[in-house]
PDB file of N, CA and C in Angstrom:
ATOM      1  N   MET A   1     -40.092  18.971 -15.074  1.00  0.00           N
ATOM      2  CA  MET A   1     -40.042  18.149 -13.886  1.00  0.00           C
ATOM      3  C   MET A   1     -39.851  16.676 -14.258  1.00  0.00           C
ATOM      4  N   VAL A   2     -39.161  16.000 -13.349  1.00  0.00           N
ATOM      5  CA  VAL A   2     -38.891  14.588 -13.556  1.00  0.00           C
ATOM      6  C   VAL A   2     -39.969  13.793 -12.821  1.00  0.00           C
ATOM      7  N   SER A   3     -40.420  12.752 -13.475  1.00  0.00           N
ATOM      8  CA  SER A   3     -41.494  11.958 -12.876  1.00  0.00           C
ATOM      9  C   SER A   3     -40.986  11.178 -11.655  1.00  0.00           C
ATOM     10  N   ARG A   4     -41.942  10.803 -10.842  1.00  0.00           N
ATOM     11  CA  ARG A   4     -41.621  10.054  -9.629  1.00  0.00           C
ATOM     12  C   ARG A   4     -40.981   8.710  -9.983  1.00  0.00           C
ATOM     13  N   GLY A   5     -41.461   8.057 -10.996  1.00  0.00           N
ATOM     14  CA  GLY A   5     -40.898   6.764 -11.419  1.00  0.00           C
ATOM     15  C   GLY A   5     -39.437   6.884 -11.810  1.00  0.00           C
ATOM     16  N   ALA A   6     -39.082   7.954 -12.514  1.00  0.00           N
ATOM     17  CA  ALA A   6     -37.696   8.162 -12.930  1.00  0.00           C
ATOM     18  C   ALA A   6     -36.803   8.379 -11.714  1.00  0.00           C
ATOM     19  N   LYS A   7     -37.304   9.118 -10.729  1.00  0.00           N
ATOM     20  CA  LYS A   7     -36.531   9.346  -9.510  1.00  0.00           C
ATOM     21  C   LYS A   7     -36.286   8.037  -8.761  1.00  0.00           C
ATOM     22  N   VAL A   8     -37.302   7.192  -8.700  1.00  0.00           N
ATOM     23  CA  VAL A   8     -37.180   5.905  -8.015  1.00  0.00           C
ATOM     24  C   VAL A   8     -36.156   5.023  -8.728  1.00  0.00           C
ATOM     25  N   VAL A   9     -36.236   4.993 -10.043  1.00  0.00           N
ATOM     26  CA  VAL A   9     -35.291   4.182 -10.814  1.00  0.00           C
ATOM     27  C   VAL A   9     -33.875   4.712 -10.624  1.00  0.00           C
ATOM     28  N   LEU A  10     -33.693   6.016 -10.691  1.00  0.00           N
ATOM     29  CA  LEU A  10     -32.379   6.620 -10.496  1.00  0.00           C
ATOM     30  C   LEU A  10     -31.849   6.312  -9.089  1.00  0.00           C
ATOM     31  N   GLY A  11     -32.696   6.467  -8.086  1.00  0.00           N
ATOM     32  CA  GLY A  11     -32.293   6.156  -6.711  1.00  0.00           C
ATOM     33  C   GLY A  11     -31.907   4.696  -6.551  1.00  0.00           C
ATOM     34  N   GLY A  12     -32.699   3.818  -7.154  1.00  0.00           N
ATOM     35  CA  GLY A  12     -32.386   2.380  -7.075  1.00  0.00           C
ATOM     36  C   GLY A  12     -31.068   2.056  -7.762  1.00  0.00           C
ATOM     37  N   ALA A  13     -30.857   2.680  -8.913  1.00  0.00           N
ATOM     38  CA  ALA A  13     -29.606   2.443  -9.637  1.00  0.00           C
ATOM     39  C   ALA A  13     -28.409   2.941  -8.831  1.00  0.00           C
ATOM     40  N   LEU A  14     -28.536   4.089  -8.193  1.00  0.00           N
ATOM     41  CA  LEU A  14     -27.453   4.617  -7.369  1.00  0.00           C
ATOM     42  C   LEU A  14     -27.160   3.702  -6.176  1.00  0.00           C
ATOM     43  N   CYS A  15     -28.213   3.221  -5.549  1.00  0.00           N
ATOM     44  CA  CYS A  15     -28.031   2.305  -4.411  1.00  0.00           C
ATOM     45  C   CYS A  15     -27.361   1.007  -4.858  1.00  0.00           C
ATOM     46  N   PHE A  16     -27.801   0.487  -5.982  1.00  0.00           N
ATOM     47  CA  PHE A  16     -27.242  -0.756  -6.520  1.00  0.00           C
ATOM     48  C   PHE A  16     -25.766  -0.564  -6.872  1.00  0.00           C
ATOM     49  N   ALA A  17     -25.439   0.536  -7.549  1.00  0.00           N
ATOM     50  CA  ALA A  17     -24.054   0.804  -7.929  1.00  0.00           C
ATOM     51  C   ALA A  17     -23.187   0.991  -6.677  1.00  0.00           C
ATOM     52  N   SER A  18     -23.697   1.701  -5.693  1.00  0.00           N
ATOM     53  CA  SER A  18     -22.952   1.899  -4.444  1.00  0.00           C
ATOM     54  C   SER A  18     -22.705   0.566  -3.740  1.00  0.00           C
ATOM     55  N   ALA A  19     -23.707  -0.279  -3.713  1.00  0.00           N
ATOM     56  CA  ALA A  19     -23.568  -1.585  -3.073  1.00  0.00           C
ATOM     57  C   ALA A  19     -22.507  -2.430  -3.789  1.00  0.00           C
ATOM     58  N   ILE A  20     -22.488  -2.388  -5.104  1.00  0.00           N
ATOM     59  CA  ILE A  20     -21.489  -3.152  -5.863  1.00  0.00           C
ATOM     60  C   ILE A  20     -20.086  -2.619  -5.575  1.00  0.00           C
ATOM     61  N   ILE A  21     -19.933  -1.305  -5.543  1.00  0.00           N
ATOM     62  CA  ILE A  21     -18.615  -0.708  -5.261  1.00  0.00           C
ATOM     63  C   ILE A  21     -18.135  -1.108  -3.874  1.00  0.00           C
ATOM     64  N   ILE A  22     -19.011  -1.053  -2.904  1.00  0.00           N
ATOM     65  CA  ILE A  22     -18.646  -1.436  -1.531  1.00  0.00           C
ATOM     66  C   ILE A  22     -18.282  -2.916  -1.479  1.00  0.00           C
ATOM     67  N   LEU A  23     -19.049  -3.753  -2.141  1.00  0.00           N
ATOM     68  CA  LEU A  23     -18.782  -5.189  -2.152  1.00  0.00           C
ATOM     69  C   LEU A  23     -17.424  -5.486  -2.791  1.00  0.00           C
ATOM     70  N   VAL A  24     -17.141  -4.871  -3.917  1.00  0.00           N
ATOM     71  CA  VAL A  24     -15.851  -5.092  -4.584  1.00  0.00           C
ATOM     72  C   VAL A  24     -14.710  -4.629  -3.685  1.00  0.00           C
ATOM     73  N   HIS A  25     -14.877  -3.500  -3.032  1.00  0.00           N
ATOM     74  CA  HIS A  25     -13.851  -2.984  -2.120  1.00  0.00           C
ATOM     75  C   HIS A  25     -13.596  -3.975  -0.987  1.00  0.00           C
ATOM     76  N   LYS A  26     -14.649  -4.503  -0.385  1.00  0.00           N
ATOM     77  CA  LYS A  26     -14.503  -5.470   0.712  1.00  0.00           C
ATOM     78  C   LYS A  26     -13.816  -6.740   0.216  1.00  0.00           C
ATOM     79  N   MET A  27     -14.168  -7.188  -0.993  1.00  0.00           N
ATOM     80  CA  MET A  27     -13.544  -8.390  -1.549  1.00  0.00           C
ATOM     81  C   MET A  27     -12.051  -8.162  -1.788  1.00  0.00           C
ATOM     82  N   GLN A  28     -11.677  -6.984  -2.257  1.00  0.00           N
ATOM     83  CA  GLN A  28     -10.268  -6.669  -2.465  1.00  0.00           C
ATOM     84  C   GLN A  28      -9.513  -6.649  -1.148  1.00  0.00           C
ATOM     85  N   GLN A  29     -10.118  -6.101  -0.130  1.00  0.00           N
ATOM     86  CA  GLN A  29      -9.472  -6.090   1.194  1.00  0.00           C
ATOM     87  C   GLN A  29      -9.261  -7.515   1.686  1.00  0.00           C
ATOM     88  N   ALA A  30     -10.272  -8.362   1.513  1.00  0.00           N
ATOM     89  CA  ALA A  30     -10.166  -9.753   1.955  1.00  0.00           C
ATOM     90  C   ALA A  30      -9.075 -10.477   1.169  1.00  0.00           C
ATOM     91  N   ASP A  31      -8.999 -10.223  -0.131  1.00  0.00           N
ATOM     92  CA  ASP A  31      -7.970 -10.851  -0.955  1.00  0.00           C
ATOM     93  C   ASP A  31      -6.573 -10.423  -0.512  1.00  0.00           C
ATOM     94  N   ARG A  32      -6.395  -9.138  -0.245  1.00  0.00           N
ATOM     95  CA  ARG A  32      -5.094  -8.641   0.213  1.00  0.00           C
ATOM     96  C   ARG A  32      -4.708  -9.281   1.541  1.00  0.00           C
ATOM     97  N   LEU A  33      -5.675  -9.399   2.438  1.00  0.00           N
ATOM     98  CA  LEU A  33      -5.409 -10.017   3.736  1.00  0.00           C
ATOM     99  C   LEU A  33      -5.017 -11.487   3.561  1.00  0.00           C
ATOM    100  N   ARG A  34      -5.745 -12.192   2.702  1.00  0.00           N
ATOM    101  CA  ARG A  34      -5.449 -13.601   2.447  1.00  0.00           C
ATOM    102  C   ARG A  34      -4.046 -13.759   1.850  1.00  0.00           C
ATOM    103  N   LEU A  35      -3.675 -12.882   0.933  1.00  0.00           N
ATOM    104  CA  LEU A  35      -2.338 -12.939   0.344  1.00  0.00           C
ATOM    105  C   LEU A  35      -1.270 -12.682   1.404  1.00  0.00           C
ATOM    106  N   ARG A  36      -1.511 -11.731   2.251  1.00  0.00           N
ATOM    107  CA  ARG A  36      -0.558 -11.415   3.319  1.00  0.00           C
ATOM    108  C   ARG A  36      -0.395 -12.605   4.268  1.00  0.00           C
ATOM    109  N   GLU A  37      -1.505 -13.238   4.609  1.00  0.00           N
ATOM    110  CA  GLU A  37      -1.445 -14.411   5.488  1.00  0.00           C
ATOM    111  C   GLU A  37      -0.668 -15.538   4.815  1.00  0.00           C
ATOM    112  N   GLY A  38      -0.816 -15.666   3.502  1.00  0.00           N
ATOM    113  CA  GLY A  38      -0.070 -16.691   2.769  1.00  0.00           C
ATOM    114  C   GLY A  38       1.431 -16.450   2.844  1.00  0.00           C
ATOM    115  N   VAL A  39       1.836 -15.203   2.726  1.00  0.00           N
ATOM    116  CA  VAL A  39       3.256 -14.861   2.830  1.00  0.00           C
ATOM    117  C   VAL A  39       3.772 -15.194   4.224  1.00  0.00           C
ATOM    118  N   LEU A  40       3.002 -14.857   5.236  1.00  0.00           N
ATOM    119  CA  LEU A  40       3.417 -15.150   6.613  1.00  0.00           C
ATOM    120  C   LEU A  40       3.524 -16.653   6.851  1.00  0.00           C
ATOM    121  N   ARG A  41       2.560 -17.415   6.311  1.00  0.00           N
ATOM    122  CA  ARG A  41       2.623 -18.877   6.452  1.00  0.00           C
ATOM    123  C   ARG A  41       3.859 -19.440   5.759  1.00  0.00           C
ATOM    124  N   ASP A  42       4.178 -18.893   4.580  1.00  0.00           N
ATOM    125  CA  ASP A  42       5.370 -19.349   3.867  1.00  0.00           C
ATOM    126  C   ASP A  42       6.631 -19.061   4.675  1.00  0.00           C
ATOM    127  N   MET A  43       6.689 -17.894   5.290  1.00  0.00           N
ATOM    128  CA  MET A  43       7.854 -17.554   6.104  1.00  0.00           C
ATOM    129  C   MET A  43       7.966 -18.495   7.298  1.00  0.00           C
ATOM    130  N   GLU A  44       6.845 -18.801   7.930  1.00  0.00           N
ATOM    131  CA  GLU A  44       6.856 -19.739   9.060  1.00  0.00           C
ATOM    132  C   GLU A  44       7.282 -21.129   8.607  1.00  0.00           C
ATOM    133  N   ARG A  45       6.794 -21.545   7.447  1.00  0.00           N
ATOM    134  CA  ARG A  45       7.149 -22.857   6.904  1.00  0.00           C
ATOM    135  C   ARG A  45       8.650 -22.925   6.613  1.00  0.00           C
ATOM    136  N   GLN A  46       9.211 -21.870   6.056  1.00  0.00           N
ATOM    137  CA  GLN A  46      10.646 -21.842   5.781  1.00  0.00           C
ATOM    138  C   GLN A  46      11.456 -21.898   7.076  1.00  0.00           C
ATOM    139  N   GLU A  47      10.989 -21.207   8.108  1.00  0.00           N
ATOM    140  CA  GLU A  47      11.683 -21.232   9.398  1.00  0.00           C
ATOM    141  C   GLU A  47      11.633 -22.637  10.011  1.00  0.00           C
ATOM    142  N   ARG A  48      10.466 -23.296   9.933  1.00  0.00           N
ATOM    143  CA  ARG A  48      10.363 -24.664  10.450  1.00  0.00           C
ATOM    144  C   ARG A  48      11.294 -25.603   9.679  1.00  0.00           C
ATOM    145  N   LYS A  49      11.356 -25.401   8.373  1.00  0.00           N
ATOM    146  CA  LYS A  49      12.223 -26.247   7.546  1.00  0.00           C
ATOM    147  C   LYS A  49      13.686 -26.040   7.930  1.00  0.00           C
ATOM    148  N   ARG A  50      14.089 -24.797   8.162  1.00  0.00           N
ATOM    149  CA  ARG A  50      15.454 -24.503   8.565  1.00  0.00           C
ATOM    150  C   ARG A  50      15.780 -25.173   9.904  1.00  0.00           C
ATOM    151  N   LYS A  51      14.842 -25.077  10.860  1.00  0.00           N
ATOM    152  CA  LYS A  51      15.051 -25.704  12.172  1.00  0.00           C
ATOM    153  C   LYS A  51      15.135 -27.221  12.040  1.00  0.00           C
ATOM    154  N   ASN A  52      14.276 -27.795  11.203  1.00  0.00           N
ATOM    155  CA  ASN A  52      14.301 -29.247  10.990  1.00  0.00           C
ATOM    156  C   ASN A  52      15.634 -29.685  10.389  1.00  0.00           C
ATOM    157  N   MET A  53      16.155 -28.884   9.466  1.00  0.00           N
ATOM    158  CA  MET A  53      17.452 -29.225   8.868  1.00  0.00           C
ATOM    159  C   MET A  53      18.560 -29.158   9.912  1.00  0.00           C
ATOM    160  N   GLU A  54      18.511 -28.171  10.790  1.00  0.00           N
ATOM    161  CA  GLU A  54      19.511 -28.073  11.865  1.00  0.00           C
ATOM    162  C   GLU A  54      19.423 -29.283  12.781  1.00  0.00           C
ATOM    163  N   GLU A  55      18.196 -29.665  13.142  1.00  0.00           N
ATOM    164  CA  GLU A  55      18.017 -30.834  14.006  1.00  0.00           C
ATOM    165  C   GLU A  55      18.508 -32.098  13.322  1.00  0.00           C
ATOM    166  N   LEU A  56      18.253 -32.211  12.035  1.00  0.00           N
ATOM    167  CA  LEU A  56      18.704 -33.385  11.287  1.00  0.00           C
ATOM    168  C   LEU A  56      20.229 -33.454  11.287  1.00  0.00           C
ATOM    169  N   LYS A  57      20.881 -32.327  11.063  1.00  0.00           N
ATOM    170  CA  LYS A  57      22.349 -32.296  11.082  1.00  0.00           C
ATOM    171  C   LYS A  57      22.876 -32.691  12.456  1.00  0.00           C
ATOM    172  N   GLN A  58      22.239 -32.198  13.509  1.00  0.00           N
ATOM    173  CA  GLN A  58      22.665 -32.542  14.859  1.00  0.00           C
ATOM    174  C   GLN A  58      22.485 -34.034  15.116  1.00  0.00           C
ATOM    175  N   GLN A  59      21.370 -34.577  14.659  1.00  0.00           N
ATOM    176  CA  GLN A  59      21.111 -35.997  14.867  1.00  0.00           C
ATOM    177  C   GLN A  59      22.100 -36.852  14.088  1.00  0.00           C
ATOM    178  N   ILE A  60      22.432 -36.417  12.892  1.00  0.00           N
ATOM    179  CA  ILE A  60      23.417 -37.160  12.091  1.00  0.00           C
ATOM    180  C   ILE A  60      24.766 -37.149  12.813  1.00  0.00           C
ATOM    181  N   GLU A  61      25.142 -36.007  13.338  1.00  0.00           N
ATOM    182  CA  GLU A  61      26.408 -35.893  14.064  1.00  0.00           C
ATOM    183  C   GLU A  61      26.386 -36.759  15.321  1.00  0.00           C
ATOM    184  N   LEU A  62      25.291 -36.737  16.065  1.00  0.00           N
ATOM    185  CA  LEU A  62      25.178 -37.575  17.265  1.00  0.00           C
ATOM    186  C   LEU A  62      25.225 -39.054  16.915  1.00  0.00           C
ATOM    187  N   THR A  63      24.581 -39.425  15.844  1.00  0.00           N
ATOM    188  CA  THR A  63      24.593 -40.824  15.407  1.00  0.00           C
ATOM    189  C   THR A  63      26.009 -41.252  15.037  1.00  0.00           C
ATOM    190  N   ARG A  64      26.721 -40.370  14.342  1.00  0.00           N
ATOM    191  CA  ARG A  64      28.104 -40.672  13.954  1.00  0.00           C
ATOM    192  C   ARG A  64      28.972 -40.858  15.208  1.00  0.00           C
ATOM    193  N   LYS A  65      28.812 -39.975  16.191  1.00  0.00           N
ATOM    194  CA  LYS A  65      29.589 -40.083  17.429  1.00  0.00           C
ATOM    195  C   LYS A  65      29.249 -41.356  18.192  1.00  0.00           C
ATOM    196  N   LEU A  66      27.969 -41.703  18.221  1.00  0.00           N
ATOM    197  CA  LEU A  66      27.549 -42.922  18.906  1.00  0.00           C
ATOM    198  C   LEU A  66      28.148 -44.153  18.229  1.00  0.00           C
ATOM    199  N   GLN A  67      28.134 -44.166  16.902  1.00  0.00           N
ATOM    200  CA  GLN A  67      28.715 -45.301  16.193  1.00  0.00           C
ATOM    201  C   GLN A  67      30.211 -45.400  16.445  1.00  0.00           C
ATOM    202  N   GLU A  68      30.902 -44.261  16.475  1.00  0.00           N
ATOM    203  CA  GLU A  68      32.339 -44.273  16.779  1.00  0.00           C
ATOM    204  C   GLU A  68      32.585 -44.786  18.187  1.00  0.00           C
ATOM    205  N   GLN A  69      31.745 -44.358  19.128  1.00  0.00           N
ATOM    206  CA  GLN A  69      31.902 -44.800  20.509  1.00  0.00           C
ATOM    207  C   GLN A  69      31.679 -46.311  20.616  1.00  0.00           C
ATOM    208  N   ARG A  70      30.679 -46.806  19.944  1.00  0.00           N
ATOM    209  CA  ARG A  70      30.412 -48.254  19.973  1.00  0.00           C
ATOM    210  C   ARG A  70      31.559 -49.028  19.342  1.00  0.00           C
ATOM    211  N   GLU A  71      32.097 -48.516  18.228  1.00  0.00           N
ATOM    212  CA  GLU A  71      33.226 -49.179  17.593  1.00  0.00           C
ATOM    213  C   GLU A  71      34.441 -49.187  18.519  1.00  0.00           C
ATOM    214  N   ASN A  72      34.663 -48.080  19.216  1.00  0.00           N
ATOM    215  CA  ASN A  72      35.772 -48.018  20.168  1.00  0.00           C
ATOM    216  C   ASN A  72      35.559 -48.974  21.336  1.00  0.00           C
ATOM    217  N   ASP A  73      34.320 -49.085  21.807  1.00  0.00           N
ATOM    218  CA  ASP A  73      34.007 -49.992  22.916  1.00  0.00           C
ATOM    219  C   ASP A  73      34.213 -51.441  22.475  1.00  0.00           C
ATOM    220  N   VAL A  74      33.807 -51.776  21.249  1.00  0.00           N
ATOM    221  CA  VAL A  74      33.948 -53.143  20.746  1.00  0.00           C
ATOM    222  C   VAL A  74      35.426 -53.444  20.539  1.00  0.00           C
ATOM    223  N   ALA A  75      36.173 -52.487  20.034  1.00  0.00           N
ATOM    224  CA  ALA A  75      37.593 -52.673  19.782  1.00  0.00           C
ATOM    225  C   ALA A  75      38.375 -52.835  21.099  1.00  0.00           C
ATOM    226  N   SER A  76      37.959 -52.156  22.145  1.00  0.00           N
ATOM    227  CA  SER A  76      38.683 -52.227  23.420  1.00  0.00           C
ATOM    228  C   SER A  76      38.328 -53.491  24.214  1.00  0.00           C
ATOM    229  N   ASN A  77      37.252 -54.167  23.868  1.00  0.00           N
ATOM    230  CA  ASN A  77      36.844 -55.404  24.589  1.00  0.00           C
ATOM    231  C   ASN A  77      37.478 -56.559  23.972  1.00  0.00           C
TER     232      ASN A  77
END
């Protein structure tokens, strides 16, 4: 027969090991989620950058047209 103390120690060790396994599993899930969110943020950042570049090109074109119009107005006066 196994003594009561040995059973308690074995039970405690099993509980401790189970708790560590569960904790590591939860931490891995959190890490995976954080990595996934990082990828999504990067994709959003790239999309914003693309839109900003399009707006910049449009503004450059509008500025060029405005300058041409002003030059034409000055030349015609």
